Amino acid sequence: MKKIAALLCACLILGGCSSQNPYEKELDPKNPITLTLWHYYNGIQKTALDNMIEEFNNTVGSEKGIVVEANNVGSILELTDKVKEAAAGKVGASEMPEIFTAYADTAYELNADGYVADLSQYLSADEISEYVDGYVQEGMFDNELKIFPAAKATECLQINKTDWDRFAEAADVSLDDLKTVEGLNEVAEKYYAYTDALTPDINNDGKPFFGRDAVANYFIIGCKQLGMEIFEVKDGQVTLNFDKDVIRKIWDNYYVPYVKGYYLDKGRFRSDDVKTGDIISFVGSTSGIPYFPTQVIKDDNTSYDIDVIFQPVPVFEGGSKVAVQQGAGMVVSKTSEVKEYASVLFLKWFTETERNIDFTINSAYLPVKKEANDLEVIHSLIKENDIDMDDSILAGLDVAINTVNDYELFTSKAFDHGTEARSLLQAALIDDAKAARQQVIELINSGSSRDEALNQLINDQIFDEWYSRLKMELEKLI
């Protein structure tokens, strides 16, 4: 908060916050400037963005002399590579776009090389204060606003209600059991036993219950729920906090159930694994709510319809209610001051409260302004405009907005090699757990009992070796 206050004070001192902005007179409707925007949105998100840009170009853009041209340049990874290539001036690379979507680590790296504009000089103190504080903090480097909050997300638990209902009745479990990480594991164990019993002539063929899209989020947010910030960044320096007891809880509640066959990571996304019937629940981004499958399609090509339940992300027993804050923001390239000013004009227009909610309704991203994160306001807007919105998507949006308002939203601050550090956390759980699970299956097929196989792959020595290896790899990196 001190950094935001300093930013607001600095903004008032700078001349750029005046309503009579000196760059305004350089805009000419008869000779419009073009702003290229690179993004990674697809499907309904791309459609929502395209519609809004068309509206801007036909209204405010036409009046002031600004034309925004939006281009999808692939996935977030492809977009990041292309921006870096453009910034470096590589042969065959496109010119640097005036605006591009980026996560904090990418913006941090490009900012260090001098390619990112400081947006605070084009925003007043009041304008900045309208945005969710955590979103503003994420975009601040050295007390300068370098990422404009535009489309954010958190995570929620997404459940195949149709298969859940059958299982819940048979196993005497309830949705309340899924409120904690430990409760989720207990339910997953019961689901494995329940599905194993469906084929009494085949042993050890129980099915996994659950999966996670971003396991690094589980690692980082789980540590935060348990009172430890794994990557603590102060004054540009990162400290690795790796308390063994905390990390053991992380291991016990993902690695262990995965090796036991209760969790799964198979398709590109966990929604794919729900669609094939391999799991019936997962934690994923709220921006993926519209993509929850409506059918399960089995290997024999038979299918059946399913409904969905959305719930808040589980929290460790005794831990704090913390959820991830994610979603790329808009970064403005350091170009001419008039283009930077025009870019901010567009982004301010794009995130005006009613328009921000409209984008949320049509894209499943979360509003970025405080005023817009109000379910009464959102529901009122839907009713007033007679918006035809799927009930399940609206229910998911309700869970997402409640999470923003009821949980502490957290994201690690950007630091050198931050992306690589997240990848190490992801691999340490996913890759190692997958390999151990495969060994369990091979041991069972070779004649070992399930308990014998699991005891070889899940024990204190295995954890100690895993912990020491990961700690050493992280220390080398940061």
Protein backbone atom coordinates (compact mmCIF):
# COMPACT_ATOMS: atom_id res chain seq x y z
CA MET A 1 0.00 0.00 0.00
CA LYS A 2 2.92 2.35 0.70
CA LYS A 3 4.09 1.88 -2.89
CA ILE A 4 0.64 2.72 -4.24
CA ALA A 5 0.49 5.83 -2.06
CA ALA A 6 3.91 6.89 -3.32
CA LEU A 7 2.79 6.30 -6.88
CA LEU A 8 -0.35 8.38 -6.38
CA CYS A 9 1.62 11.24 -4.85
CA ALA A 10 4.15 11.13 -7.65
CA CYS A 11 1.34 11.14 -10.17
CA LEU A 12 -0.06 14.35 -8.74
CA ILE A 13 3.34 16.03 -8.95
CA LEU A 14 3.81 15.04 -12.57
CA GLY A 15 2.12 17.22 -15.16
CA GLY A 16 0.74 14.21 -17.00
CA CYS A 17 -2.25 13.78 -14.69
CA SER A 18 -3.91 17.05 -15.58
CA SER A 19 -7.22 16.93 -17.39
CA GLN A 20 -5.61 19.28 -19.92
CA ASN A 21 -3.12 16.66 -21.00
CA PRO A 22 -0.45 18.12 -23.27
CA TYR A 23 -0.61 15.08 -25.56
CA GLU A 24 -4.33 15.53 -26.25
CA LYS A 25 -3.70 18.31 -28.76
CA GLU A 26 -1.39 16.03 -30.75
CA LEU A 27 -4.28 13.70 -31.58
CA ASP A 28 -5.92 14.52 -34.91
CA PRO A 29 -9.14 12.82 -36.15
CA LYS A 30 -8.15 13.74 -39.70
CA ASN A 31 -4.82 12.03 -39.33
CA PRO A 32 -5.40 9.14 -36.88
CA ILE A 33 -2.63 7.16 -35.27
CA THR A 34 -2.78 3.37 -35.31
CA LEU A 35 -2.14 1.25 -32.24
CA THR A 36 -1.38 -2.42 -32.75
CA LEU A 37 -2.50 -4.74 -29.93
CA TRP A 38 -1.17 -8.28 -29.68
CA HIS A 39 -3.12 -10.78 -27.58
CA TYR A 40 -3.68 -14.51 -27.07
CA TYR A 41 -7.47 -14.55 -26.62
CA ASN A 42 -9.48 -17.20 -28.45
CA GLY A 43 -13.13 -18.14 -28.80
CA ILE A 44 -15.59 -16.06 -26.83
CA GLN A 45 -12.80 -13.93 -25.34
CA LYS A 46 -11.51 -12.95 -28.77
CA THR A 47 -15.04 -12.18 -29.97
CA ALA A 48 -15.71 -10.00 -26.92
CA LEU A 49 -12.44 -8.10 -27.42
CA ASP A 50 -13.01 -7.63 -31.16
CA ASN A 51 -16.50 -6.26 -30.54
CA MET A 52 -15.25 -3.77 -28.00
CA ILE A 53 -12.41 -2.58 -30.20
CA GLU A 54 -14.84 -2.07 -33.07
CA GLU A 55 -17.00 0.02 -30.75
CA PHE A 56 -14.01 2.09 -29.63
CA ASN A 57 -12.81 2.71 -33.18
CA ASN A 58 -16.30 3.86 -34.23
CA THR A 59 -16.79 6.19 -31.26
CA VAL A 60 -14.01 7.59 -29.06
CA GLY A 61 -11.29 6.48 -31.43
CA SER A 62 -12.98 8.19 -34.38
CA GLU A 63 -13.51 11.39 -32.38
CA LYS A 64 -9.94 11.62 -31.14
CA GLY A 65 -8.02 10.08 -34.02
CA ILE A 66 -7.06 6.65 -32.65
CA VAL A 67 -7.41 3.33 -34.44
CA VAL A 68 -6.76 0.09 -32.55
CA GLU A 69 -5.90 -3.01 -34.55
CA ALA A 70 -5.99 -6.24 -32.54
CA ASN A 71 -4.19 -9.41 -33.61
CA ASN A 72 -4.18 -12.84 -32.05
CA VAL A 73 -0.59 -14.05 -32.39
CA GLY A 74 -1.01 -17.50 -30.87
CA SER A 75 -0.74 -18.83 -27.35
CA ILE A 76 0.67 -16.77 -24.49
CA LEU A 77 4.01 -18.53 -24.99
CA GLU A 78 4.04 -17.76 -28.71
CA LEU A 79 3.02 -14.16 -28.04
CA THR A 80 5.80 -13.78 -25.48
CA ASP A 81 8.40 -15.14 -27.89
CA LYS A 82 7.23 -12.82 -30.69
CA VAL A 83 7.29 -9.75 -28.45
CA LYS A 84 10.81 -10.58 -27.30
CA GLU A 85 11.93 -11.13 -30.89
CA ALA A 86 10.40 -7.80 -31.92
CA ALA A 87 12.05 -6.00 -29.01
CA ALA A 88 15.42 -7.51 -29.90
CA GLY A 89 14.99 -6.55 -33.56
CA LYS A 90 15.60 -10.08 -34.80
CA VAL A 91 15.68 -10.62 -38.55
CA GLY A 92 12.18 -11.41 -39.81
CA ALA A 93 10.49 -10.27 -36.61
CA SER A 94 7.47 -7.97 -36.70
CA GLU A 95 7.63 -4.44 -35.40
CA MET A 96 7.03 -4.03 -31.68
CA PRO A 97 3.29 -3.58 -31.00
CA GLU A 98 2.14 -0.50 -29.10
CA ILE A 99 0.13 -2.71 -26.69
CA PHE A 100 0.49 -6.39 -25.84
CA THR A 101 -0.81 -8.80 -23.23
CA ALA A 102 1.82 -10.14 -20.86
CA TYR A 103 2.32 -11.71 -17.49
CA ALA A 104 4.41 -9.98 -14.87
CA ASP A 105 7.58 -12.03 -15.46
CA THR A 106 7.63 -11.11 -19.15
CA ALA A 107 6.90 -7.45 -18.45
CA TYR A 108 9.62 -7.45 -15.79
CA GLU A 109 12.20 -8.79 -18.24
CA LEU A 110 11.25 -6.37 -21.02
CA ASN A 111 11.12 -3.48 -18.58
CA ALA A 112 14.68 -4.22 -17.44
CA ASP A 113 15.75 -3.78 -21.07
CA GLY A 114 13.92 -0.45 -21.37
CA TYR A 115 11.02 -1.49 -23.62
CA VAL A 116 8.06 -0.77 -21.31
CA ALA A 117 6.35 2.58 -20.81
CA ASP A 118 5.51 4.02 -17.38
CA LEU A 119 1.75 4.51 -17.41
CA SER A 120 1.44 6.47 -14.17
CA GLN A 121 2.24 9.75 -15.94
CA TYR A 122 -0.96 9.40 -17.96
CA LEU A 123 -3.28 8.51 -15.06
CA SER A 124 -4.58 10.58 -12.16
CA ALA A 125 -4.51 9.45 -8.54
CA ASP A 126 -8.27 8.99 -8.57
CA GLU A 127 -8.14 6.91 -11.74
CA ILE A 128 -5.53 4.54 -10.31
CA SER A 129 -7.44 4.16 -7.05
CA GLU A 130 -10.49 2.83 -8.94
CA TYR A 131 -8.68 -0.43 -9.73
CA VAL A 132 -8.36 -3.40 -7.38
CA ASP A 133 -5.27 -2.71 -5.27
CA GLY A 134 -3.71 -6.12 -5.84
CA TYR A 135 -3.99 -5.72 -9.60
CA VAL A 136 -2.24 -2.37 -9.43
CA GLN A 137 0.49 -3.72 -7.16
CA GLU A 138 1.20 -6.58 -9.55
CA GLY A 139 1.88 -4.11 -12.35
CA MET A 140 4.20 -1.82 -10.39
CA PHE A 141 7.96 -2.00 -10.85
CA ASP A 142 10.09 0.50 -8.92
CA ASN A 143 7.01 2.62 -8.10
CA GLU A 144 6.07 2.90 -11.76
CA LEU A 145 2.95 1.36 -13.26
CA LYS A 146 4.12 -0.92 -16.04
CA ILE A 147 1.16 -3.30 -16.46
CA PHE A 148 -2.38 -1.99 -16.94
CA PRO A 149 -4.94 -4.35 -15.34
CA ALA A 150 -7.38 -5.40 -18.05
CA ALA A 151 -8.57 -9.01 -17.71
CA LYS A 152 -7.92 -10.95 -14.53
CA ALA A 153 -8.82 -14.38 -13.21
CA THR A 154 -8.54 -16.58 -10.15
CA GLU A 155 -9.22 -20.29 -9.69
CA CYS A 156 -12.21 -22.36 -8.62
CA LEU A 157 -13.15 -26.00 -8.16
CA GLN A 158 -15.14 -27.29 -11.13
CA ILE A 159 -17.13 -30.52 -10.74
CA ASN A 160 -19.01 -32.88 -13.04
CA LYS A 161 -22.28 -32.72 -11.07
CA THR A 162 -23.90 -35.66 -12.85
CA ASP A 163 -21.26 -38.21 -11.82
CA TRP A 164 -20.65 -36.47 -8.49
CA ASP A 165 -24.30 -36.91 -7.47
CA ARG A 166 -24.19 -40.67 -8.08
CA PHE A 167 -20.93 -41.04 -6.19
CA ALA A 168 -21.93 -38.71 -3.32
CA GLU A 169 -25.08 -40.70 -2.61
CA ALA A 170 -23.26 -44.02 -2.71
CA ALA A 171 -20.26 -42.92 -0.62
CA ASP A 172 -22.08 -40.54 1.75
CA VAL A 173 -19.94 -37.50 0.93
CA SER A 174 -20.97 -33.89 0.42
CA LEU A 175 -19.71 -30.73 -1.25
CA ASP A 176 -18.73 -29.43 2.18
CA ASP A 177 -16.07 -32.15 2.27
CA LEU A 178 -14.35 -30.39 -0.64
CA LYS A 179 -13.79 -27.09 1.17
CA THR A 180 -10.37 -28.13 2.44
CA VAL A 181 -7.38 -29.63 0.64
CA GLU A 182 -7.30 -32.50 3.12
CA GLY A 183 -11.04 -33.11 2.68
CA LEU A 184 -10.59 -33.19 -1.07
CA ASN A 185 -7.95 -35.91 -0.69
CA GLU A 186 -10.22 -38.00 1.53
CA VAL A 187 -13.04 -37.73 -1.00
CA ALA A 188 -10.64 -38.68 -3.82
CA GLU A 189 -9.62 -41.80 -1.88
CA LYS A 190 -13.29 -42.75 -1.45
CA TYR A 191 -13.92 -42.18 -5.15
CA TYR A 192 -11.04 -44.50 -6.06
CA ALA A 193 -12.53 -47.20 -3.81
CA TYR A 194 -16.04 -46.56 -5.15
CA THR A 195 -14.99 -46.90 -8.80
CA ASP A 196 -12.74 -49.88 -8.03
CA ALA A 197 -15.72 -51.69 -6.49
CA LEU A 198 -17.77 -51.19 -9.67
CA THR A 199 -15.67 -53.94 -11.29
CA PRO A 200 -15.20 -56.54 -8.52
CA ASP A 201 -13.52 -58.98 -10.92
CA ILE A 202 -10.69 -56.49 -11.61
CA ASN A 203 -8.39 -55.34 -8.80
CA ASN A 204 -6.81 -51.90 -8.46
CA ASP A 205 -8.72 -50.27 -11.33
CA GLY A 206 -10.15 -47.40 -9.31
CA LYS A 207 -10.36 -44.06 -11.11
CA PRO A 208 -8.81 -40.73 -10.20
CA PHE A 209 -11.20 -38.09 -8.90
CA PHE A 210 -9.32 -34.82 -9.36
CA GLY A 211 -6.74 -32.81 -11.28
CA ARG A 212 -5.17 -29.34 -11.36
CA ASP A 213 -4.47 -27.18 -14.38
CA ALA A 214 -1.64 -25.13 -12.86
CA VAL A 215 0.18 -27.17 -10.24
CA ALA A 216 2.68 -24.34 -9.64
CA ASN A 217 -0.29 -22.30 -8.40
CA TYR A 218 -1.09 -25.04 -5.90
CA PHE A 219 2.51 -25.01 -4.71
CA ILE A 220 2.78 -21.22 -4.33
CA ILE A 221 -0.75 -20.55 -3.05
CA GLY A 222 -0.68 -23.60 -0.77
CA CYS A 223 2.49 -22.28 0.87
CA LYS A 224 0.85 -18.87 1.26
CA GLN A 225 -2.24 -20.45 2.85
CA LEU A 226 0.11 -22.13 5.31
CA GLY A 227 1.82 -18.84 6.16
CA MET A 228 4.91 -18.99 3.95
CA GLU A 229 5.72 -16.93 0.86
CA ILE A 230 7.97 -19.25 -1.09
CA PHE A 231 9.45 -16.50 -3.31
CA GLU A 232 9.71 -13.35 -1.20
CA VAL A 233 10.76 -10.33 -3.24
CA LYS A 234 11.94 -7.09 -1.61
CA ASP A 235 13.76 -4.27 -3.37
CA GLY A 236 14.31 -6.47 -6.39
CA GLN A 237 15.93 -9.25 -4.37
CA VAL A 238 14.29 -12.65 -3.99
CA THR A 239 14.53 -14.87 -0.91
CA LEU A 240 13.65 -18.56 -1.11
CA ASN A 241 11.56 -19.71 1.87
CA PHE A 242 11.44 -23.49 1.93
CA ASP A 243 10.38 -24.68 5.37
CA LYS A 244 10.46 -28.47 5.30
CA ASP A 245 7.24 -28.97 7.29
CA VAL A 246 5.28 -26.69 4.95
CA ILE A 247 6.72 -28.34 1.86
CA ARG A 248 5.86 -31.76 3.32
CA LYS A 249 2.19 -30.71 3.49
CA ILE A 250 2.37 -29.63 -0.15
CA TRP A 251 3.90 -33.01 -1.06
CA ASP A 252 1.48 -35.05 1.06
CA ASN A 253 -1.55 -33.40 -0.52
CA TYR A 254 -0.65 -33.64 -4.19
CA TYR A 255 2.30 -35.94 -4.86
CA VAL A 256 1.05 -38.69 -2.54
CA PRO A 257 -2.57 -38.87 -3.76
CA TYR A 258 -1.32 -38.70 -7.35
CA VAL A 259 0.96 -41.70 -6.83
CA LYS A 260 -1.93 -43.54 -5.20
CA GLY A 261 -4.05 -43.00 -8.32
CA TYR A 262 -6.45 -40.45 -6.87
CA TYR A 263 -5.31 -37.54 -9.07
CA LEU A 264 -4.55 -37.29 -12.78
CA ASP A 265 -2.86 -35.03 -15.30
CA LYS A 266 -3.40 -36.50 -18.76
CA GLY A 267 -4.85 -34.18 -21.42
CA ARG A 268 -3.73 -30.69 -22.36
CA PHE A 269 -6.19 -29.25 -19.81
CA ARG A 270 -8.05 -30.93 -16.98
CA SER A 271 -11.35 -30.05 -18.67
CA ASP A 272 -10.18 -32.47 -21.38
CA ASP A 273 -9.82 -35.15 -18.71
CA VAL A 274 -13.36 -34.44 -17.50
CA LYS A 275 -14.65 -34.69 -21.06
CA THR A 276 -13.13 -38.15 -21.46
CA GLY A 277 -14.45 -39.25 -18.07
CA ASP A 278 -10.97 -39.79 -16.63
CA ILE A 279 -11.69 -37.44 -13.70
CA ILE A 280 -14.81 -35.68 -12.42
CA SER A 281 -13.33 -32.57 -10.83
CA PHE A 282 -10.46 -30.12 -11.13
CA VAL A 283 -9.15 -26.75 -10.03
CA GLY A 284 -8.75 -24.44 -12.99
CA SER A 285 -8.86 -20.80 -13.99
CA THR A 286 -12.17 -18.98 -13.72
CA SER A 287 -11.53 -17.73 -17.25
CA GLY A 288 -12.07 -21.33 -18.38
CA ILE A 289 -15.56 -21.60 -16.87
CA PRO A 290 -17.34 -21.39 -20.27
CA TYR A 291 -15.26 -24.30 -21.53
CA PHE A 292 -16.36 -26.86 -18.96
CA PRO A 293 -17.59 -29.81 -21.07
CA THR A 294 -21.29 -30.49 -21.44
CA GLN A 295 -20.75 -34.18 -22.23
CA VAL A 296 -18.55 -37.10 -21.28
CA ILE A 297 -17.37 -38.97 -24.36
CA LYS A 298 -16.03 -42.43 -23.52
CA ASP A 299 -13.43 -44.51 -25.34
CA ASP A 300 -16.15 -46.56 -27.06
CA ASN A 301 -17.59 -43.29 -28.48
CA THR A 302 -20.67 -43.48 -26.27
CA SER A 303 -21.53 -40.26 -24.48
CA TYR A 304 -23.82 -38.71 -21.90
CA ASP A 305 -24.70 -35.17 -20.86
CA ILE A 306 -23.34 -33.67 -17.66
CA ASP A 307 -24.06 -30.62 -15.52
CA VAL A 308 -21.51 -28.60 -13.57
CA ILE A 309 -20.98 -27.28 -10.05
CA PHE A 310 -18.53 -24.49 -9.24
CA GLN A 311 -17.05 -24.08 -5.78
CA PRO A 312 -14.32 -21.92 -4.22
CA VAL A 313 -10.81 -23.33 -4.34
CA PRO A 314 -10.06 -25.61 -1.34
CA VAL A 315 -7.97 -24.23 1.54
CA PHE A 316 -5.58 -26.12 3.81
CA GLU A 317 -7.05 -26.97 7.22
CA GLY A 318 -6.11 -24.16 9.60
CA GLY A 319 -4.74 -22.12 6.71
CA SER A 320 -5.67 -18.67 5.47
CA LYS A 321 -8.21 -18.11 2.69
CA VAL A 322 -5.82 -17.29 -0.14
CA ALA A 323 -6.49 -17.72 -3.87
CA VAL A 324 -4.34 -17.03 -6.87
CA GLN A 325 -4.49 -13.77 -8.75
CA GLN A 326 -3.68 -14.36 -12.40
CA GLY A 327 -4.37 -13.21 -15.91
CA ALA A 328 -2.17 -11.22 -18.22
CA GLY A 329 -2.38 -7.44 -18.16
CA MET A 330 -1.85 -4.93 -20.94
CA VAL A 331 1.68 -3.63 -21.41
CA VAL A 332 2.37 -0.47 -23.40
CA SER A 333 5.62 -0.34 -25.34
CA LYS A 334 7.90 2.62 -24.84
CA THR A 335 7.36 4.55 -28.08
CA SER A 336 6.33 8.16 -28.58
CA GLU A 337 4.57 9.91 -25.70
CA VAL A 338 1.49 10.57 -27.82
CA LYS A 339 1.17 6.87 -28.67
CA GLU A 340 1.64 5.94 -25.03
CA TYR A 341 -1.03 8.46 -24.07
CA ALA A 342 -3.39 7.16 -26.77
CA SER A 343 -2.82 3.59 -25.56
CA VAL A 344 -3.79 4.57 -22.02
CA LEU A 345 -6.88 6.39 -23.32
CA PHE A 346 -8.00 3.15 -24.97
CA LEU A 347 -7.25 1.05 -21.88
CA LYS A 348 -9.14 3.46 -19.62
CA TRP A 349 -12.11 3.28 -21.99
CA PHE A 350 -11.83 -0.51 -22.15
CA THR A 351 -12.01 -0.82 -18.35
CA GLU A 352 -14.79 1.69 -17.60
CA THR A 353 -17.07 0.03 -15.05
CA GLU A 354 -20.10 -0.88 -17.18
CA ARG A 355 -17.94 -1.78 -20.16
CA ASN A 356 -15.63 -3.79 -17.90
CA ILE A 357 -18.61 -5.78 -16.63
CA ASP A 358 -19.87 -6.24 -20.18
CA PHE A 359 -16.50 -7.72 -21.16
CA THR A 360 -16.64 -9.93 -18.06
CA ILE A 361 -20.07 -11.27 -18.96
CA ASN A 362 -18.96 -12.06 -22.49
CA SER A 363 -15.49 -13.40 -21.76
CA ALA A 364 -15.58 -14.91 -18.23
CA TYR A 365 -12.64 -12.75 -17.16
CA LEU A 366 -13.00 -10.85 -13.90
CA PRO A 367 -13.61 -7.10 -13.65
CA VAL A 368 -10.55 -5.07 -12.70
CA LYS A 369 -12.27 -2.13 -11.04
CA LYS A 370 -13.41 -2.21 -7.43
CA GLU A 371 -16.86 -0.93 -8.33
CA ALA A 372 -17.31 -3.63 -10.94
CA ASN A 373 -16.58 -6.50 -8.52
CA ASP A 374 -20.10 -6.35 -7.13
CA LEU A 375 -22.55 -9.15 -7.86
CA GLU A 376 -25.57 -6.88 -7.41
CA VAL A 377 -24.20 -4.50 -10.03
CA ILE A 378 -23.41 -7.37 -12.40
CA HIS A 379 -26.79 -9.07 -12.00
CA SER A 380 -28.57 -5.72 -12.38
CA LEU A 381 -26.70 -5.02 -15.63
CA ILE A 382 -27.60 -8.47 -16.97
CA LYS A 383 -31.26 -7.90 -16.13
CA GLU A 384 -31.42 -4.32 -17.45
CA ASN A 385 -29.87 -5.29 -20.76
CA ASP A 386 -31.83 -8.56 -21.02
CA ILE A 387 -28.59 -10.48 -21.52
CA ASP A 388 -29.09 -14.17 -22.30
CA MET A 389 -26.44 -15.79 -20.13
CA ASP A 390 -26.06 -19.49 -19.44
CA ASP A 391 -27.05 -20.26 -15.83
CA SER A 392 -23.97 -22.40 -15.20
CA ILE A 393 -21.61 -19.68 -16.45
CA LEU A 394 -23.37 -17.12 -14.26
CA ALA A 395 -23.03 -19.47 -11.28
CA GLY A 396 -19.32 -19.80 -11.99
CA LEU A 397 -18.97 -16.04 -12.26
CA ASP A 398 -20.68 -15.68 -8.88
CA VAL A 399 -18.12 -18.02 -7.31
CA ALA A 400 -15.28 -16.11 -8.96
CA ILE A 401 -16.48 -12.69 -7.81
CA ASN A 402 -17.08 -13.98 -4.28
CA THR A 403 -13.54 -15.34 -4.26
CA VAL A 404 -12.17 -11.91 -5.22
CA ASN A 405 -14.14 -10.31 -2.39
CA ASP A 406 -13.73 -12.99 0.30
CA TYR A 407 -10.22 -14.35 -0.25
CA GLU A 408 -6.81 -12.74 -0.17
CA LEU A 409 -5.69 -12.71 -3.79
CA PHE A 410 -2.00 -13.42 -4.20
CA THR A 411 0.56 -13.63 -6.95
CA SER A 412 4.33 -13.83 -6.63
CA LYS A 413 6.11 -10.63 -7.52
CA ALA A 414 8.19 -10.76 -10.67
CA PHE A 415 11.89 -11.53 -10.32
CA ASP A 416 14.77 -12.72 -12.48
CA HIS A 417 14.18 -16.34 -13.55
CA GLY A 418 10.70 -16.28 -12.03
CA THR A 419 9.22 -18.24 -14.92
CA GLU A 420 11.91 -20.92 -14.61
CA ALA A 421 11.31 -21.14 -10.86
CA ARG A 422 7.60 -21.80 -11.41
CA SER A 423 8.49 -24.46 -13.98
CA LEU A 424 10.68 -26.22 -11.43
CA LEU A 425 7.80 -26.34 -8.94
CA GLN A 426 5.44 -27.64 -11.61
CA ALA A 427 7.83 -30.35 -12.76
CA ALA A 428 8.73 -31.43 -9.23
CA LEU A 429 5.13 -32.37 -8.57
CA ILE A 430 3.76 -33.36 -11.97
CA ASP A 431 6.72 -35.09 -13.62
CA ASP A 432 7.99 -36.82 -10.49
CA ALA A 433 4.51 -37.92 -9.41
CA LYS A 434 3.70 -39.26 -12.87
CA ALA A 435 6.95 -41.25 -12.94
CA ALA A 436 6.29 -42.66 -9.46
CA ARG A 437 2.71 -43.58 -10.38
CA GLN A 438 3.97 -45.47 -13.42
CA GLN A 439 6.43 -47.37 -11.21
CA VAL A 440 3.58 -48.33 -8.88
CA ILE A 441 1.60 -49.72 -11.80
CA GLU A 442 4.62 -51.69 -13.04
CA LEU A 443 5.28 -53.14 -9.58
CA ILE A 444 1.66 -54.24 -9.23
CA ASN A 445 1.74 -55.82 -12.70
CA SER A 446 4.91 -57.65 -11.64
CA GLY A 447 3.15 -59.24 -8.67
CA SER A 448 3.54 -56.76 -5.82
CA SER A 449 0.50 -55.84 -3.78
CA ARG A 450 -0.76 -52.27 -4.04
CA ASP A 451 0.41 -51.50 -0.49
CA GLU A 452 3.86 -52.95 -1.15
CA ALA A 453 4.23 -50.90 -4.32
CA LEU A 454 3.08 -47.68 -2.67
CA ASN A 455 5.39 -48.18 0.32
CA GLN A 456 8.36 -48.27 -2.03
CA LEU A 457 7.40 -45.02 -3.76
CA ILE A 458 5.94 -43.02 -0.85
CA ASN A 459 8.05 -42.82 2.29
CA ASP A 460 10.16 -40.41 4.31
CA GLN A 461 13.35 -41.16 2.39
CA ILE A 462 11.66 -40.49 -0.96
CA PHE A 463 10.37 -37.16 0.36
CA ASP A 464 13.74 -36.15 1.84
CA GLU A 465 15.48 -36.82 -1.49
CA TRP A 466 12.76 -34.98 -3.42
CA TYR A 467 12.86 -32.02 -1.04
CA SER A 468 16.66 -31.71 -1.09
CA ARG A 469 16.88 -31.98 -4.87
CA LEU A 470 14.19 -29.34 -5.49
CA LYS A 471 15.66 -26.98 -2.88
CA MET A 472 19.09 -27.24 -4.49
CA GLU A 473 17.69 -26.60 -7.99
CA LEU A 474 15.81 -23.52 -6.79
CA GLU A 475 18.81 -22.15 -4.92
CA LYS A 476 20.97 -22.49 -8.04
CA LEU A 477 18.36 -20.62 -10.07
CA ILE A 478 17.67 -17.67 -7.75
